[in-house]
Every structure is written in structure tokens, then in C-alpha cells.
Amino acid sequence: MVVKNIPSICLSCGGCVGVCPHDAISLEDMKIIINESKCNGCGTCVIFCPVGAMTLEDKPTNEVER
């Protein structure tokens, strides 16, 4: 799982930045940036977000072309 931010409802409050135990979220120019290589999908930010702007999604799988 990986966390995604929904910019259209995000308040850019930065609360998720402070609660991420993996330091995977930053706030740059009032936009939430998620470092997917650091995010382990724990969901702490999803639970904390007051407006539901953080969601958990399946990590995309790279399909091998035949």
C-alpha cells in the first residue's frame, strides 16, 4: 500500500507531515509531497487527516510485456 494525497480537498495544514513515522511526507509550496520510497503504507496520516485528503492505495505493479 502507498499513501496518496487528494489536492482538491487537502487543506495543506501539514498535520500529516508531523505524524508520519517514516518521514515520508513533506509540505513544499503549500503542497503535500509523498516520498513513495519512504512510505510503507502504515496509514497513520490517513487516520490523522481531518478532511480525508490522504488515502491508501495499492502500489502499482509493473506488468511484464509479452
N, C-alpha and C. Protein backbone atom coordinates (compact mmCIF):
# COMPACT_ATOMS: atom_id res chain seq x y z
N MET A 1 0.84 -1.17 0.00
CA MET A 1 0.00 0.00 0.00
C MET A 1 0.89 1.25 0.00
N VAL A 2 0.34 2.29 -0.57
CA VAL A 2 1.04 3.58 -0.60
C VAL A 2 0.00 4.68 -0.39
N VAL A 3 0.43 5.76 0.22
CA VAL A 3 -0.47 6.87 0.50
C VAL A 3 -0.51 7.84 -0.67
N LYS A 4 -1.69 8.32 -0.97
CA LYS A 4 -1.88 9.36 -1.98
C LYS A 4 -2.60 10.52 -1.33
N ASN A 5 -2.29 11.72 -1.80
CA ASN A 5 -2.94 12.93 -1.32
C ASN A 5 -3.94 13.40 -2.38
N ILE A 6 -5.10 13.87 -1.93
CA ILE A 6 -6.12 14.40 -2.84
C ILE A 6 -6.06 15.93 -2.72
N PRO A 7 -5.34 16.59 -3.62
CA PRO A 7 -5.12 18.03 -3.51
C PRO A 7 -6.40 18.87 -3.49
N SER A 8 -7.44 18.40 -4.14
CA SER A 8 -8.67 19.20 -4.22
C SER A 8 -9.37 19.36 -2.87
N ILE A 9 -9.08 18.46 -1.91
CA ILE A 9 -9.69 18.60 -0.59
C ILE A 9 -8.66 18.85 0.52
N CYS A 10 -7.38 18.77 0.18
CA CYS A 10 -6.31 18.96 1.16
C CYS A 10 -6.26 20.42 1.60
N LEU A 11 -6.15 20.64 2.90
CA LEU A 11 -6.04 21.98 3.47
C LEU A 11 -4.58 22.46 3.55
N SER A 12 -3.66 21.59 3.23
CA SER A 12 -2.22 21.88 3.37
C SER A 12 -1.87 22.33 4.79
N CYS A 13 -2.52 21.70 5.76
CA CYS A 13 -2.28 22.06 7.17
C CYS A 13 -0.95 21.52 7.68
N GLY A 14 -0.43 20.47 7.03
CA GLY A 14 0.86 19.90 7.42
C GLY A 14 0.79 18.92 8.57
N GLY A 15 -0.40 18.63 9.06
CA GLY A 15 -0.53 17.68 10.17
C GLY A 15 0.03 16.32 9.84
N CYS A 16 -0.16 15.88 8.62
CA CYS A 16 0.33 14.56 8.20
C CYS A 16 1.85 14.50 8.22
N VAL A 17 2.48 15.63 7.95
CA VAL A 17 3.95 15.69 7.95
C VAL A 17 4.48 15.33 9.33
N GLY A 18 3.86 15.88 10.35
CA GLY A 18 4.31 15.66 11.72
C GLY A 18 4.03 14.29 12.28
N VAL A 19 3.02 13.60 11.75
CA VAL A 19 2.67 12.29 12.31
C VAL A 19 3.28 11.11 11.56
N CYS A 20 3.84 11.35 10.39
CA CYS A 20 4.41 10.24 9.61
C CYS A 20 5.65 9.68 10.30
N PRO A 21 5.60 8.41 10.73
CA PRO A 21 6.73 7.83 11.44
C PRO A 21 7.91 7.49 10.53
N HIS A 22 7.73 7.64 9.23
CA HIS A 22 8.79 7.28 8.28
C HIS A 22 9.37 8.49 7.56
N ASP A 23 8.96 9.69 7.98
CA ASP A 23 9.44 10.93 7.37
C ASP A 23 9.25 10.91 5.85
N ALA A 24 8.10 10.41 5.43
CA ALA A 24 7.82 10.25 4.00
C ALA A 24 6.99 11.38 3.42
N ILE A 25 6.55 12.31 4.26
CA ILE A 25 5.67 13.38 3.79
C ILE A 25 6.30 14.73 4.10
N SER A 26 6.24 15.61 3.10
CA SER A 26 6.73 16.97 3.31
C SER A 26 5.72 17.96 2.75
N LEU A 27 5.85 19.21 3.17
CA LEU A 27 4.99 20.28 2.69
C LEU A 27 5.88 21.28 1.98
N GLU A 28 5.70 21.39 0.66
CA GLU A 28 6.52 22.29 -0.14
C GLU A 28 5.60 23.19 -0.96
N ASP A 29 5.79 24.50 -0.83
CA ASP A 29 4.95 25.47 -1.54
C ASP A 29 3.47 25.21 -1.33
N MET A 30 3.12 24.89 -0.08
CA MET A 30 1.73 24.62 0.31
C MET A 30 1.13 23.40 -0.40
N LYS A 31 1.99 22.46 -0.80
CA LYS A 31 1.54 21.21 -1.41
C LYS A 31 2.16 20.04 -0.66
N ILE A 32 1.36 19.01 -0.43
CA ILE A 32 1.85 17.81 0.23
C ILE A 32 2.60 16.95 -0.78
N ILE A 33 3.82 16.59 -0.42
CA ILE A 33 4.66 15.73 -1.26
C ILE A 33 4.90 14.43 -0.50
N ILE A 34 4.63 13.31 -1.16
CA ILE A 34 4.82 12.00 -0.53
C ILE A 34 5.97 11.29 -1.23
N ASN A 35 6.96 10.92 -0.44
CA ASN A 35 8.10 10.17 -0.95
C ASN A 35 7.72 8.69 -0.89
N GLU A 36 7.34 8.13 -2.03
CA GLU A 36 6.85 6.76 -2.06
C GLU A 36 7.91 5.74 -1.70
N SER A 37 9.18 6.10 -1.84
CA SER A 37 10.22 5.14 -1.46
C SER A 37 10.36 5.03 0.06
N LYS A 38 9.93 6.06 0.79
CA LYS A 38 9.96 6.01 2.25
C LYS A 38 8.64 5.52 2.85
N CYS A 39 7.54 5.73 2.15
CA CYS A 39 6.21 5.38 2.66
C CYS A 39 6.04 3.87 2.67
N ASN A 40 5.62 3.33 3.82
CA ASN A 40 5.37 1.89 3.89
C ASN A 40 3.88 1.58 3.97
N GLY A 41 3.04 2.62 3.82
CA GLY A 41 1.60 2.40 3.81
C GLY A 41 1.01 2.11 5.17
N CYS A 42 1.61 2.62 6.23
CA CYS A 42 1.12 2.32 7.58
C CYS A 42 -0.25 2.94 7.85
N GLY A 43 -0.56 4.05 7.16
CA GLY A 43 -1.89 4.67 7.30
C GLY A 43 -2.03 5.66 8.43
N THR A 44 -0.95 5.98 9.13
CA THR A 44 -1.03 6.93 10.23
C THR A 44 -1.57 8.28 9.74
N CYS A 45 -1.08 8.75 8.62
CA CYS A 45 -1.52 10.04 8.08
C CYS A 45 -2.98 9.99 7.63
N VAL A 46 -3.41 8.84 7.14
CA VAL A 46 -4.81 8.69 6.70
C VAL A 46 -5.74 8.85 7.90
N ILE A 47 -5.37 8.24 9.00
CA ILE A 47 -6.18 8.33 10.22
C ILE A 47 -6.17 9.75 10.77
N PHE A 48 -5.04 10.42 10.69
CA PHE A 48 -4.89 11.75 11.28
C PHE A 48 -5.56 12.86 10.46
N CYS A 49 -5.61 12.75 9.15
CA CYS A 49 -6.08 13.84 8.28
C CYS A 49 -7.52 14.23 8.63
N PRO A 50 -7.74 15.51 8.98
CA PRO A 50 -9.07 15.93 9.42
C PRO A 50 -10.11 16.03 8.29
N VAL A 51 -9.65 16.05 7.04
CA VAL A 51 -10.60 16.20 5.92
C VAL A 51 -10.61 15.00 4.98
N GLY A 52 -9.87 13.95 5.30
CA GLY A 52 -9.86 12.75 4.46
C GLY A 52 -9.12 12.93 3.15
N ALA A 53 -8.11 13.80 3.14
CA ALA A 53 -7.37 14.06 1.91
C ALA A 53 -6.25 13.05 1.66
N MET A 54 -6.01 12.16 2.61
CA MET A 54 -4.99 11.13 2.45
C MET A 54 -5.69 9.79 2.30
N THR A 55 -5.28 9.03 1.30
CA THR A 55 -5.90 7.73 1.05
C THR A 55 -4.82 6.67 0.87
N LEU A 56 -5.17 5.43 1.16
CA LEU A 56 -4.27 4.30 0.92
C LEU A 56 -4.67 3.63 -0.38
N GLU A 57 -3.69 3.38 -1.22
CA GLU A 57 -3.94 2.72 -2.49
C GLU A 57 -2.94 1.59 -2.67
N ASP A 58 -3.30 0.62 -3.48
CA ASP A 58 -2.36 -0.44 -3.81
C ASP A 58 -1.20 0.13 -4.60
N LYS A 59 0.00 -0.37 -4.32
CA LYS A 59 1.15 0.04 -5.12
C LYS A 59 0.98 -0.52 -6.52
N PRO A 60 1.28 0.29 -7.54
CA PRO A 60 1.16 -0.23 -8.90
C PRO A 60 2.17 -1.35 -9.13
N THR A 61 1.73 -2.36 -9.83
CA THR A 61 2.63 -3.46 -10.15
C THR A 61 3.10 -3.27 -11.59
N ASN A 62 4.34 -3.54 -11.79
CA ASN A 62 4.89 -3.44 -13.16
C ASN A 62 4.65 -4.76 -13.87
N GLU A 63 3.78 -4.71 -14.86
CA GLU A 63 3.47 -5.91 -15.61
C GLU A 63 4.51 -6.10 -16.70
N VAL A 64 4.93 -7.32 -16.86
CA VAL A 64 5.91 -7.65 -17.88
C VAL A 64 5.19 -7.81 -19.21
N GLU A 65 5.66 -7.07 -20.22
CA GLU A 65 5.03 -7.18 -21.54
C GLU A 65 5.52 -8.45 -22.21
N ARG A 66 4.61 -9.08 -22.92
CA ARG A 66 4.98 -10.31 -23.63
C ARG A 66 5.02 -10.07 -25.10
